[in-house]
C-alpha atoms as a PDB file:
ATOM      1  CA  MET A   1     100.006  85.378 110.637  1.00  0.00           C
ATOM      2  CA  PRO A   2     100.396  89.150 110.860  1.00  0.00           C
ATOM      3  CA  VAL A   3      98.243  91.375 108.676  1.00  0.00           C
ATOM      4  CA  TYR A   4      99.475  94.827 107.723  1.00  0.00           C
ATOM      5  CA  THR A   5      97.321  97.665 106.443  1.00  0.00           C
ATOM      6  CA  ILE A   6      98.513 100.770 104.653  1.00  0.00           C
ATOM      7  CA  THR A   7      96.566 103.970 104.150  1.00  0.00           C
ATOM      8  CA  LEU A   8      97.454 106.225 101.248  1.00  0.00           C
ATOM      9  CA  SER A   9      96.238 109.731 100.653  1.00  0.00           C
ATOM     10  CA  ASP A  10      94.226 110.256  97.487  1.00  0.00           C
ATOM     11  CA  ALA A  11      97.280 111.912  95.916  1.00  0.00           C
ATOM     12  CA  GLU A  12      99.556 108.997  96.877  1.00  0.00           C
ATOM     13  CA  ASP A  13      97.064 106.491  95.485  1.00  0.00           C
ATOM     14  CA  LYS A  14      96.803 108.425  92.229  1.00  0.00           C
ATOM     15  CA  ALA A  15     100.594 108.730  91.963  1.00  0.00           C
ATOM     16  CA  LEU A  16     101.110 105.013  92.607  1.00  0.00           C
ATOM     17  CA  GLY A  17      98.421 104.226  90.051  1.00  0.00           C
ATOM     18  CA  PHE A  18     100.410 106.262  87.541  1.00  0.00           C
ATOM     19  CA  VAL A  19     103.383 103.888  87.817  1.00  0.00           C
ATOM     20  CA  ALA A  20     101.669 100.626  88.766  1.00  0.00           C
ATOM     21  CA  PHE A  21      98.919  98.684  87.020  1.00  0.00           C
ATOM     22  CA  SER A  22      97.532  97.723  90.442  1.00  0.00           C
ATOM     23  CA  GLN A  23      98.514  99.583  93.584  1.00  0.00           C
ATOM     24  CA  GLU A  24      97.733  96.635  95.847  1.00  0.00           C
ATOM     25  CA  ALA A  25      99.621  94.153  93.668  1.00  0.00           C
ATOM     26  CA  TRP A  26     102.619  96.497  93.491  1.00  0.00           C
ATOM     27  CA  ILE A  27     102.719  96.945  97.277  1.00  0.00           C
ATOM     28  CA  ASN A  28     102.392  93.190  97.846  1.00  0.00           C
ATOM     29  CA  ASN A  29     105.140  92.485  95.320  1.00  0.00           C
ATOM     30  CA  VAL A  30     107.586  94.962  96.858  1.00  0.00           C
ATOM     31  CA  VAL A  31     107.050  93.616 100.368  1.00  0.00           C
ATOM     32  CA  ARG A  32     107.285  89.972  99.308  1.00  0.00           C
ATOM     33  CA  GLN A  33     110.475  90.621  97.315  1.00  0.00           C
ATOM     34  CA  ARG A  34     112.061  92.314 100.343  1.00  0.00           C
ATOM     35  CA  CYS A  35     111.002  89.414 102.550  1.00  0.00           C
ATOM     36  CA  GLU A  36     112.549  86.920 100.099  1.00  0.00           C
ATOM     37  CA  ALA A  37     115.812  88.858 100.152  1.00  0.00           C
ATOM     38  CA  ALA A  38     115.838  88.837 103.967  1.00  0.00           C
ATOM     39  CA  ILE A  39     114.961  85.124 104.041  1.00  0.00           C
ATOM     40  CA  SER A  40     117.884  84.368 101.725  1.00  0.00           C
ATOM     41  CA  GLU A  41     120.219  86.450 103.886  1.00  0.00           C
ATOM     42  CA  ILE A  42     119.093  84.739 107.105  1.00  0.00           C
ATOM     43  CA  VAL A  43     119.310  81.250 105.583  1.00  0.00           C
ATOM     44  CA  ALA A  44     122.816  81.895 104.258  1.00  0.00           C
ATOM     45  CA  ALA A  45     123.970  83.173 107.656  1.00  0.00           C
ATOM     46  CA  GLU A  46     122.403  80.187 109.414  1.00  0.00           C
ATOM     47  CA  VAL A  47     123.970  77.685 107.016  1.00  0.00           C
ATOM     48  CA  ASP A  48     127.367  79.301 107.620  1.00  0.00           C
ATOM     49  CA  ARG A  49     126.865  79.421 111.395  1.00  0.00           C
ATOM     50  CA  ILE A  50     125.590  75.857 111.739  1.00  0.00           C
ATOM     51  CA  THR A  51     128.069  74.212 109.377  1.00  0.00           C
ATOM     52  CA  ALA A  52     130.959  76.070 111.048  1.00  0.00           C
ATOM     53  CA  THR A  53     130.113  74.240 114.263  1.00  0.00           C
ATOM     54  CA  GLY A  54     129.721  70.877 112.512  1.00  0.00           C
ATOM     55  CA  GLY A  55     125.943  70.944 112.668  1.00  0.00           C
ATOM     56  CA  THR A  56     123.522  69.854 109.986  1.00  0.00           C
ATOM     57  CA  ILE A  57     120.777  71.806 108.288  1.00  0.00           C
ATOM     58  CA  SER A  58     117.278  70.464 107.839  1.00  0.00           C
ATOM     59  CA  GLY A  59     113.891  71.869 107.033  1.00  0.00           C
ATOM     60  CA  THR A  60     112.583  74.433 104.601  1.00  0.00           C
ATOM     61  CA  LYS A  61     113.848  77.968 104.280  1.00  0.00           C
ATOM     62  CA  GLU A  62     110.887  79.059 106.405  1.00  0.00           C
ATOM     63  CA  ASP A  63     111.780  76.488 109.077  1.00  0.00           C
ATOM     64  CA  ILE A  64     115.368  77.744 109.128  1.00  0.00           C
ATOM     65  CA  VAL A  65     114.281  81.380 109.430  1.00  0.00           C
ATOM     66  CA  LEU A  66     111.809  80.640 112.213  1.00  0.00           C
ATOM     67  CA  ALA A  67     114.454  78.721 114.180  1.00  0.00           C
ATOM     68  CA  ALA A  68     117.236  81.266 113.568  1.00  0.00           C
ATOM     69  CA  PRO A  69     118.416  83.350 116.522  1.00  0.00           C
ATOM     70  CA  VAL A  70     118.082  86.660 114.689  1.00  0.00           C
ATOM     71  CA  LYS A  71     117.358  90.085 116.097  1.00  0.00           C
ATOM     72  CA  SER A  72     114.974  92.498 114.458  1.00  0.00           C
ATOM     73  CA  ALA A  73     116.253  95.718 112.925  1.00  0.00           C
ATOM     74  CA  ALA A  74     114.629  97.574 115.838  1.00  0.00           C
ATOM     75  CA  GLN A  75     116.505  95.411 118.363  1.00  0.00           C
ATOM     76  CA  ARG A  76     119.810  95.899 116.549  1.00  0.00           C
ATOM     77  CA  GLN A  77     119.250  99.667 116.391  1.00  0.00           C
ATOM     78  CA  ALA A  78     118.427  99.829 120.111  1.00  0.00           C
ATOM     79  CA  GLU A  79     121.634  97.918 120.925  1.00  0.00           C
ATOM     80  CA  TYR A  80     123.664 100.228 118.691  1.00  0.00           C
ATOM     81  CA  ASP A  81     122.117 103.318 120.289  1.00  0.00           C
ATOM     82  CA  ALA A  82     122.868 101.954 123.779  1.00  0.00           C
ATOM     83  CA  GLU A  83     126.500 101.224 122.821  1.00  0.00           C
ATOM     84  CA  LEU A  84     126.892 104.694 121.354  1.00  0.00           C
ATOM     85  CA  ALA A  85     125.407 106.317 124.457  1.00  0.00           C
ATOM     86  CA  ALA A  86     127.738 104.281 126.678  1.00  0.00           C
ATOM     87  CA  LYS A  87     130.779 105.329 124.611  1.00  0.00           C
ATOM     88  CA  ARG A  88     129.738 108.956 124.785  1.00  0.00           C
ATOM     89  CA  ALA A  89     129.201 108.760 128.531  1.00  0.00           C
ATOM     90  CA  GLY A  90     132.619 107.119 128.921  1.00  0.00           C
ATOM     91  CA  SER A  91     134.386 109.764 126.860  1.00  0.00           C
ATOM     92  CA  GLU A  92     132.667 112.601 128.730  1.00  0.00           C
ATOM     93  CA  ALA A  93     133.623 111.096 132.099  1.00  0.00           C
ATOM     94  CA  GLY A  94     137.276 110.738 131.144  1.00  0.00           C
END
Protein backbone atom coordinates (compact mmCIF):
# COMPACT_ATOMS: atom_id res chain seq x y z
CA MET A 1 0.00 0.00 0.00
CA PRO A 2 1.54 3.32 -1.02
CA VAL A 3 2.20 5.96 1.61
CA TYR A 4 2.30 9.61 0.62
CA THR A 5 3.85 12.41 2.65
CA ILE A 6 3.24 16.11 2.23
CA THR A 7 5.37 18.92 3.59
CA LEU A 8 3.79 22.30 4.17
CA SER A 9 5.57 25.52 4.95
CA ASP A 10 4.73 27.09 8.30
CA ALA A 11 2.58 29.66 6.46
CA GLU A 12 0.71 26.95 4.53
CA ASP A 13 0.09 24.99 7.72
CA LYS A 14 -1.21 28.09 9.48
CA ALA A 15 -3.44 28.98 6.52
CA LEU A 16 -4.87 25.46 6.32
CA GLY A 17 -5.45 25.51 10.06
CA PHE A 18 -7.48 28.68 9.57
CA VAL A 19 -10.00 26.84 7.37
CA ALA A 20 -9.75 23.29 8.72
CA PHE A 21 -10.22 21.95 12.24
CA SER A 22 -7.44 19.42 11.56
CA GLN A 23 -5.01 19.85 8.70
CA GLU A 24 -4.24 16.14 8.50
CA ALA A 25 -7.91 15.12 8.60
CA TRP A 26 -8.75 17.69 5.91
CA ILE A 27 -5.97 16.46 3.61
CA ASN A 28 -6.98 12.83 4.13
CA ASN A 29 -10.63 13.66 3.45
CA VAL A 30 -9.90 15.53 0.22
CA VAL A 31 -7.71 12.74 -1.13
CA ARG A 32 -10.14 9.98 -0.16
CA GLN A 33 -13.08 11.85 -1.70
CA ARG A 34 -11.15 12.26 -4.97
CA CYS A 35 -10.24 8.58 -4.92
CA GLU A 36 -13.90 7.63 -4.39
CA ALA A 37 -14.91 9.77 -7.36
CA ALA A 38 -12.27 8.10 -9.54
CA ILE A 39 -13.30 4.64 -8.30
CA SER A 40 -16.91 5.36 -9.23
CA GLU A 41 -15.85 6.60 -12.67
CA ILE A 42 -13.69 3.52 -13.32
CA VAL A 43 -16.36 1.10 -12.09
CA ALA A 44 -19.03 2.72 -14.27
CA ALA A 45 -16.76 2.54 -17.34
CA GLU A 46 -15.91 -1.09 -16.61
CA VAL A 47 -19.55 -2.07 -16.12
CA ASP A 48 -20.39 -0.44 -19.46
CA ARG A 49 -17.41 -2.03 -21.22
CA ILE A 50 -17.96 -5.53 -19.83
CA THR A 51 -21.73 -5.64 -20.24
CA ALA A 52 -21.43 -4.32 -23.81
CA THR A 53 -19.48 -7.46 -24.67
CA GLY A 54 -21.91 -9.75 -22.84
CA GLY A 55 -19.61 -10.26 -19.89
CA THR A 56 -20.56 -10.39 -16.24
CA ILE A 57 -19.34 -8.29 -13.36
CA SER A 58 -18.22 -9.76 -10.07
CA GLY A 59 -16.24 -8.61 -7.09
CA THR A 60 -16.10 -5.45 -5.04
CA LYS A 61 -15.54 -1.99 -6.43
CA GLU A 62 -11.89 -2.34 -5.41
CA ASP A 63 -11.63 -5.67 -7.26
CA ILE A 64 -13.12 -4.09 -10.38
CA VAL A 65 -10.73 -1.12 -10.23
CA LEU A 66 -7.69 -3.32 -9.70
CA ALA A 67 -8.65 -5.53 -12.66
CA ALA A 68 -9.58 -2.62 -14.96
CA PRO A 69 -7.30 -1.89 -17.91
CA VAL A 70 -6.98 1.81 -17.11
CA LYS A 71 -4.12 4.16 -17.86
CA SER A 72 -2.87 6.70 -15.37
CA ALA A 73 -3.30 10.40 -16.03
CA ALA A 74 0.46 10.58 -16.66
CA GLN A 75 0.23 7.81 -19.28
CA ARG A 76 -2.73 9.47 -20.99
CA GLN A 77 -0.91 12.82 -21.03
CA ALA A 78 2.23 11.24 -22.51
CA GLU A 79 0.15 9.62 -25.27
CA TYR A 80 -1.59 12.92 -25.99
CA ASP A 81 1.73 14.77 -26.13
CA ALA A 82 3.16 12.14 -28.51
CA GLU A 83 0.10 12.40 -30.79
CA LEU A 84 0.32 16.18 -30.81
CA ALA A 85 4.04 16.08 -31.62
CA ALA A 86 3.39 13.61 -34.45
CA LYS A 87 0.65 15.85 -35.90
CA ARG A 88 2.91 18.87 -35.71
CA ALA A 89 5.76 17.00 -37.38
CA GLY A 90 3.37 15.83 -40.11
CA SER A 91 2.04 19.31 -40.78
CA GLU A 92 5.55 20.80 -40.89
CA ALA A 93 6.71 18.13 -43.34
CA GLY A 94 3.80 18.71 -45.70
